[in-house]
Structures are given as C-alpha cells and as structure tokens.
Amino acid sequence: MSYSVIVVSDTSPISNLIDLGQLTLLRALFNQVVIPTAVESELLQVEDPQFRHSYLQSRESGWLIVKSPVNLSEVNRLKQILDPGEAEAISLALELNAQTLLIDERMGYKVAHQSHLRAVGVLGILIEAKRKGLIPDVRSYLDKLKYEIGFWVSDNVYRHVLNLADER
C-alpha cells in the first residue's frame, strides 16, 4: 500500500531552486508538487528564457501540477495580508490537507504556521537534500543564494543552516 504525500509550493522556493539549477530536488524529495494558478502566473512572468524553460519542462514532465484553489473567500481573505501566490498556496494547502507547504516569505511562513501547516523554505529543502545525499553540501548553494541571487539570510540564520547541515 502506498500513499501520496501532498506538497504545495509558493513561488519563491521554485524560483530560487531554478536560479540555483536545482529544481529537480523537489521531484527527488517529494515526487510531486502542486502549485496554485497564481504561482504559475508569477513564474511565467519571468522573462529569462532559461528560467522559463526549466519551469515549463518540469510542468510538462508531470511532477509539477497546477491546481486552482476552490475556496475563493479564503483566498481573498489571505490576499489582504499576503501576495496572490502566497494566499493561493496557503489556501490550496489547506484544501488539499497538504503535508508540507513550501514558502520562504516571513509573513506567509507565519500565516502558514498559524493555519497549522508545516512550512519549509528553500533553506530547509537544501538541508534535506544534503541529508538524503542529493547534493554534496549546503554552503555553496547558501552562498549563491545570499551573494549572487539576493536571497536575504541573516548571519544567525546562515550559521544555523550550516550547523543543521553539519557544515560548521
């Protein structure tokens, strides 16, 4: 007997993993990832051809699934404090009873926890990928996120992530 783990993602973890050249980590870790239509719209707005190709290739291969949330009143309520992608991702995660919500933004992360969702960001994805032997280290990706991509990471979080990855 096998069961399917439901994972819903906001835009940021996907876009950061595309920028790192590591979007396939999501498939390796979760098998399938569901994104709401607002997240797809945000991803399709990126004009970089490589970025767009990576996203479209993942969607066409069937492991990245686009689904619209049904509870539009919940989406609209969440849009009062979050951007459309975050609002739809949280709403969809609740509707699907998702085991994990992939989200990076602080306010979205806070709302997800208040909604009793397990929230994991790109840094948690990198730590888990290292633990499973999918990447050799976290530091090189963390440095690229911080210094090249512009992902904000405080010095305390930087050290904490490296400790969790056993990279002191």
Protein backbone atom coordinates (compact mmCIF):
# COMPACT_ATOMS: atom_id res chain seq x y z
CA MET A 1 0.00 0.00 0.00
CA SER A 2 1.41 3.38 -0.95
CA TYR A 3 0.08 6.80 -0.19
CA SER A 4 0.77 10.10 -1.79
CA VAL A 5 2.28 12.96 0.18
CA ILE A 6 0.77 16.27 -0.88
CA VAL A 7 3.17 19.20 -1.14
CA VAL A 8 2.08 22.68 -2.24
CA SER A 9 4.55 25.39 -3.19
CA ASP A 10 4.60 29.16 -3.34
CA THR A 11 6.68 30.93 -5.98
CA SER A 12 9.87 31.69 -4.07
CA PRO A 13 11.15 28.15 -3.37
CA ILE A 14 10.62 27.18 -7.02
CA SER A 15 12.21 30.32 -8.44
CA ASN A 16 15.18 30.10 -6.07
CA LEU A 17 15.76 26.45 -6.94
CA ILE A 18 15.55 27.28 -10.66
CA ASP A 19 18.13 30.04 -10.10
CA LEU A 20 20.35 27.51 -8.31
CA GLY A 21 19.90 24.99 -11.15
CA GLN A 22 18.37 22.57 -8.63
CA LEU A 23 14.62 22.48 -9.31
CA THR A 24 14.80 18.70 -9.69
CA LEU A 25 15.47 18.48 -5.93
CA LEU A 26 11.74 18.99 -5.42
CA ARG A 27 10.94 15.97 -7.56
CA ALA A 28 13.57 13.89 -5.78
CA LEU A 29 12.34 14.89 -2.33
CA PHE A 30 8.58 14.97 -2.86
CA ASN A 31 7.80 13.15 -6.13
CA GLN A 32 5.04 15.66 -6.97
CA VAL A 33 4.48 19.30 -6.11
CA VAL A 34 1.22 21.20 -6.54
CA ILE A 35 1.21 24.92 -7.30
CA PRO A 36 -1.78 27.24 -7.48
CA THR A 37 -2.58 29.19 -10.64
CA ALA A 38 -1.32 32.49 -9.15
CA VAL A 39 2.10 30.90 -8.57
CA GLU A 40 2.20 29.67 -12.15
CA SER A 41 1.32 33.19 -13.35
CA GLU A 42 4.16 34.64 -11.27
CA LEU A 43 6.63 32.06 -12.63
CA LEU A 44 5.56 32.70 -16.22
CA GLN A 45 6.18 36.44 -15.79
CA VAL A 46 9.94 35.84 -15.53
CA GLU A 47 11.42 36.75 -18.89
CA ASP A 48 14.69 34.81 -18.60
CA PRO A 49 14.47 32.06 -21.27
CA GLN A 50 16.47 29.51 -19.23
CA PHE A 51 14.30 30.10 -16.17
CA ARG A 52 11.13 29.75 -18.24
CA HIS A 53 12.41 26.59 -19.97
CA SER A 54 13.29 24.96 -16.65
CA TYR A 55 9.85 25.73 -15.23
CA LEU A 56 7.92 24.62 -18.33
CA GLN A 57 9.97 21.43 -18.65
CA SER A 58 9.12 20.49 -15.04
CA ARG A 59 5.43 21.21 -15.57
CA GLU A 60 5.32 19.23 -18.81
CA SER A 61 7.04 16.24 -17.22
CA GLY A 62 4.04 15.87 -14.91
CA TRP A 63 5.61 16.16 -11.46
CA LEU A 64 4.74 19.85 -11.10
CA ILE A 65 0.95 20.15 -11.09
CA VAL A 66 -1.09 23.35 -11.41
CA LYS A 67 -4.37 23.45 -9.49
CA SER A 68 -6.76 26.28 -8.69
CA PRO A 69 -7.93 26.77 -5.12
CA VAL A 70 -11.68 26.40 -4.69
CA ASN A 71 -12.24 28.46 -1.55
CA LEU A 72 -12.06 31.93 -3.09
CA SER A 73 -13.33 33.65 0.05
CA GLU A 74 -10.31 32.24 1.94
CA VAL A 75 -8.00 33.32 -0.89
CA ASN A 76 -9.46 36.84 -0.80
CA ARG A 77 -9.14 36.98 2.99
CA LEU A 78 -5.48 35.95 2.78
CA LYS A 79 -4.82 38.44 -0.05
CA GLN A 80 -5.47 41.23 2.44
CA ILE A 81 -2.14 40.41 4.11
CA LEU A 82 -0.26 38.30 1.54
CA ASP A 83 0.54 38.43 -2.16
CA PRO A 84 -1.69 36.39 -4.51
CA GLY A 85 0.74 33.46 -4.83
CA GLU A 86 1.16 33.09 -1.09
CA ALA A 87 -2.58 33.46 -0.48
CA GLU A 88 -3.47 30.81 -3.05
CA ALA A 89 -0.69 28.47 -1.89
CA ILE A 90 -1.85 28.56 1.73
CA SER A 91 -5.49 28.20 0.75
CA LEU A 92 -4.72 25.30 -1.59
CA ALA A 93 -2.54 23.58 1.03
CA LEU A 94 -5.43 23.76 3.49
CA GLU A 95 -7.95 22.49 0.91
CA LEU A 96 -5.74 19.55 -0.09
CA ASN A 97 -4.73 18.79 3.51
CA ALA A 98 -1.11 19.08 2.35
CA GLN A 99 1.62 17.61 4.49
CA THR A 100 4.03 20.41 3.53
CA LEU A 101 3.84 23.96 2.23
CA LEU A 102 6.96 25.31 0.53
CA ILE A 103 7.21 29.01 1.28
CA ASP A 104 10.01 31.47 2.08
CA GLU A 105 8.47 34.84 2.85
CA ARG A 106 8.30 35.68 6.55
CA MET A 107 4.63 36.74 6.69
CA GLY A 108 3.49 33.78 4.57
CA TYR A 109 5.51 31.44 6.79
CA LYS A 110 3.87 32.94 9.88
CA VAL A 111 0.35 32.63 8.44
CA ALA A 112 1.07 29.04 7.39
CA HIS A 113 2.10 28.13 10.94
CA GLN A 114 -0.98 29.87 12.35
CA SER A 115 -3.01 27.71 9.94
CA HIS A 116 -1.28 24.58 11.31
CA LEU A 117 0.61 23.91 8.08
CA ARG A 118 4.13 22.51 8.05
CA ALA A 119 6.09 25.21 6.23
CA VAL A 120 9.52 24.62 4.71
CA GLY A 121 11.61 27.13 2.79
CA VAL A 122 14.37 26.77 0.26
CA LEU A 123 16.94 26.50 3.06
CA GLY A 124 15.10 23.55 4.60
CA ILE A 125 14.90 21.95 1.16
CA LEU A 126 18.68 22.27 0.76
CA ILE A 127 19.31 20.78 4.21
CA GLU A 128 17.04 17.81 3.48
CA ALA A 129 18.62 17.34 0.05
CA LYS A 130 22.05 17.11 1.65
CA ARG A 131 20.82 14.67 4.30
CA LYS A 132 19.49 12.44 1.51
CA GLY A 133 22.73 12.67 -0.47
CA LEU A 134 21.19 14.64 -3.34
CA ILE A 135 23.70 17.50 -3.03
CA PRO A 136 27.24 17.36 -1.60
CA ASP A 137 26.97 20.48 0.56
CA VAL A 138 24.63 23.30 1.54
CA ARG A 139 27.22 26.08 1.89
CA SER A 140 27.86 26.57 -1.83
CA TYR A 141 24.10 26.89 -2.54
CA LEU A 142 23.57 29.10 0.51
CA ASP A 143 26.40 31.38 -0.64
CA LYS A 144 24.97 31.57 -4.15
CA LEU A 145 21.52 32.39 -2.76
CA LYS A 146 22.89 35.08 -0.49
CA TYR A 147 25.61 36.66 -2.59
CA GLU A 148 24.51 36.11 -6.20
CA ILE A 149 20.73 35.69 -6.21
CA GLY A 150 19.98 38.24 -3.48
CA PHE A 151 18.08 35.94 -1.10
CA TRP A 152 18.22 37.65 2.29
CA VAL A 153 19.74 35.49 5.02
CA SER A 154 20.80 36.94 8.38
CA ASP A 155 24.18 35.93 9.78
CA ASN A 156 22.44 33.97 12.57
CA VAL A 157 20.27 32.03 10.09
CA TYR A 158 23.32 31.44 7.88
CA ARG A 159 25.24 29.87 10.79
CA HIS A 160 22.16 27.93 11.95
CA VAL A 161 21.59 26.43 8.50
CA LEU A 162 25.24 25.38 8.26
CA ASN A 163 25.01 23.79 11.74
CA LEU A 164 21.88 21.87 10.74
CA ALA A 165 23.72 20.70 7.61
CA ASP A 166 26.76 19.66 9.72
CA GLU A 167 28.91 22.23 7.94
CA ARG A 168 30.49 24.31 10.65
